[in-house]
Amino acid sequence: MWEANPFRPFCSERCRLIDLGAWVTERYRVPGEPADRHDGGDDTDEGGGG
C-alpha cells in the first residue's frame, strides 16, 4: 500500500502540506537550546583559494 503512495509517509498531499506548514510556522519544534543565528551566511568555504 505505502510503496505506491507518492506522498509517503503522508496519506495525501493535503496532509503533507499541513505538516510542512506546522514546521514553517514553528508549531512543531525540536527540543533543545536555540541554535545561534548569524547573518553572515553559511560556514562553507566557497572561495576555493588556498
N, C-alpha and C. Protein backbone atom coordinates (compact mmCIF):
# COMPACT_ATOMS: atom_id res chain seq x y z
N MET A 1 0.81 -1.19 0.00
CA MET A 1 0.00 0.00 0.00
C MET A 1 0.86 1.26 0.00
N TRP A 2 1.81 1.40 0.93
CA TRP A 2 2.61 2.62 1.03
C TRP A 2 3.59 2.77 -0.12
N GLU A 3 4.05 1.70 -0.69
CA GLU A 3 5.04 1.79 -1.77
C GLU A 3 4.49 2.55 -2.97
N ALA A 4 3.21 2.46 -3.23
CA ALA A 4 2.60 3.11 -4.38
C ALA A 4 2.14 4.53 -4.05
N ASN A 5 2.29 4.97 -2.82
CA ASN A 5 1.82 6.29 -2.41
C ASN A 5 2.90 7.34 -2.67
N PRO A 6 2.68 8.28 -3.60
CA PRO A 6 3.70 9.29 -3.89
C PRO A 6 3.88 10.30 -2.76
N PHE A 7 2.99 10.31 -1.76
CA PHE A 7 3.07 11.27 -0.66
C PHE A 7 3.64 10.65 0.61
N ARG A 8 4.13 9.43 0.49
CA ARG A 8 4.69 8.70 1.61
C ARG A 8 5.66 9.58 2.36
N PRO A 9 5.68 9.68 3.65
CA PRO A 9 4.93 8.89 4.62
C PRO A 9 3.56 9.46 4.96
N PHE A 10 3.10 10.44 4.19
CA PHE A 10 1.80 11.03 4.45
C PHE A 10 0.74 10.32 3.62
N CYS A 11 -0.52 10.48 4.02
CA CYS A 11 -1.59 9.80 3.29
C CYS A 11 -1.99 10.56 2.04
N SER A 12 -1.71 11.87 2.00
CA SER A 12 -2.11 12.68 0.85
C SER A 12 -1.24 13.93 0.79
N GLU A 13 -1.33 14.65 -0.31
CA GLU A 13 -0.59 15.93 -0.41
C GLU A 13 -1.13 16.92 0.61
N ARG A 14 -2.42 16.90 0.86
CA ARG A 14 -3.00 17.81 1.85
C ARG A 14 -2.36 17.59 3.21
N CYS A 15 -2.23 16.36 3.63
CA CYS A 15 -1.60 16.08 4.93
C CYS A 15 -0.13 16.48 4.93
N ARG A 16 0.55 16.26 3.82
CA ARG A 16 1.95 16.65 3.71
C ARG A 16 2.10 18.15 3.87
N LEU A 17 1.23 18.93 3.21
CA LEU A 17 1.31 20.39 3.29
C LEU A 17 0.92 20.91 4.66
N ILE A 18 -0.03 20.27 5.32
CA ILE A 18 -0.39 20.66 6.68
C ILE A 18 0.80 20.46 7.61
N ASP A 19 1.49 19.34 7.48
CA ASP A 19 2.66 19.07 8.31
C ASP A 19 3.77 20.07 8.02
N LEU A 20 4.04 20.34 6.76
CA LEU A 20 5.07 21.31 6.40
C LEU A 20 4.72 22.68 6.98
N GLY A 21 3.47 23.07 6.87
CA GLY A 21 3.04 24.36 7.42
C GLY A 21 3.25 24.44 8.92
N ALA A 22 3.04 23.35 9.62
CA ALA A 22 3.25 23.34 11.07
C ALA A 22 4.72 23.57 11.41
N TRP A 23 5.64 23.00 10.63
CA TRP A 23 7.07 23.24 10.86
C TRP A 23 7.45 24.68 10.52
N VAL A 24 6.93 25.19 9.41
CA VAL A 24 7.27 26.54 8.97
C VAL A 24 6.79 27.59 9.97
N THR A 25 5.62 27.39 10.53
CA THR A 25 5.08 28.35 11.50
C THR A 25 5.56 28.07 12.92
N GLU A 26 6.45 27.10 13.07
CA GLU A 26 7.06 26.72 14.34
C GLU A 26 6.07 26.20 15.37
N ARG A 27 4.96 25.61 14.91
CA ARG A 27 4.08 24.89 15.83
C ARG A 27 4.77 23.61 16.29
N TYR A 28 5.59 23.02 15.42
CA TYR A 28 6.43 21.89 15.79
C TYR A 28 7.83 22.43 16.03
N ARG A 29 8.46 21.93 17.07
CA ARG A 29 9.83 22.35 17.39
C ARG A 29 10.62 21.16 17.89
N VAL A 30 11.90 21.17 17.63
CA VAL A 30 12.79 20.15 18.16
C VAL A 30 13.28 20.66 19.51
N PRO A 31 13.13 19.87 20.57
CA PRO A 31 13.54 20.35 21.89
C PRO A 31 15.05 20.56 21.97
N GLY A 32 15.43 21.52 22.78
CA GLY A 32 16.84 21.80 22.99
C GLY A 32 17.10 23.29 23.02
N GLU A 33 18.35 23.63 23.18
CA GLU A 33 18.76 25.03 23.20
C GLU A 33 18.62 25.63 21.81
N PRO A 34 18.22 26.90 21.71
CA PRO A 34 18.13 27.54 20.40
C PRO A 34 19.50 27.59 19.72
N ALA A 35 19.50 27.40 18.44
CA ALA A 35 20.75 27.47 17.69
C ALA A 35 21.15 28.93 17.53
N ASP A 36 22.45 29.18 17.49
CA ASP A 36 22.92 30.54 17.23
C ASP A 36 22.58 30.91 15.81
N ARG A 37 21.99 32.08 15.64
CA ARG A 37 21.67 32.57 14.30
C ARG A 37 22.59 33.72 14.00
N HIS A 38 23.18 33.69 12.82
CA HIS A 38 24.05 34.79 12.41
C HIS A 38 23.70 35.20 10.99
N ASP A 39 23.97 36.44 10.68
CA ASP A 39 23.59 36.96 9.37
C ASP A 39 24.71 36.88 8.36
N GLY A 40 25.81 36.24 8.69
CA GLY A 40 26.98 36.21 7.82
C GLY A 40 26.97 35.11 6.79
N GLY A 41 25.84 34.48 6.52
CA GLY A 41 25.80 33.38 5.56
C GLY A 41 26.12 32.07 6.22
N ASP A 42 26.44 31.07 5.40
CA ASP A 42 26.75 29.76 5.97
C ASP A 42 28.25 29.62 6.26
N ASP A 43 28.63 28.50 6.81
CA ASP A 43 30.01 28.29 7.22
C ASP A 43 30.85 27.53 6.19
N THR A 44 30.34 27.38 4.97
CA THR A 44 31.08 26.63 3.97
C THR A 44 32.12 27.52 3.30
N ASP A 45 33.16 26.90 2.83
CA ASP A 45 34.22 27.61 2.11
C ASP A 45 33.90 27.62 0.64
N GLU A 46 33.47 28.77 0.13
CA GLU A 46 33.12 28.86 -1.28
C GLU A 46 34.22 29.48 -2.12
N GLY A 47 35.27 29.99 -1.46
CA GLY A 47 36.32 30.71 -2.17
C GLY A 47 37.20 29.80 -2.99
N GLY A 48 37.57 28.67 -2.47
CA GLY A 48 38.40 27.73 -3.20
C GLY A 48 39.87 28.11 -3.26
N GLY A 49 40.23 29.29 -2.74
CA GLY A 49 41.62 29.72 -2.73
C GLY A 49 42.45 28.83 -1.84
N GLY A 50 43.59 29.27 -1.44
CA GLY A 50 44.22 28.34 -0.58
C GLY A 50 45.45 28.71 -0.06
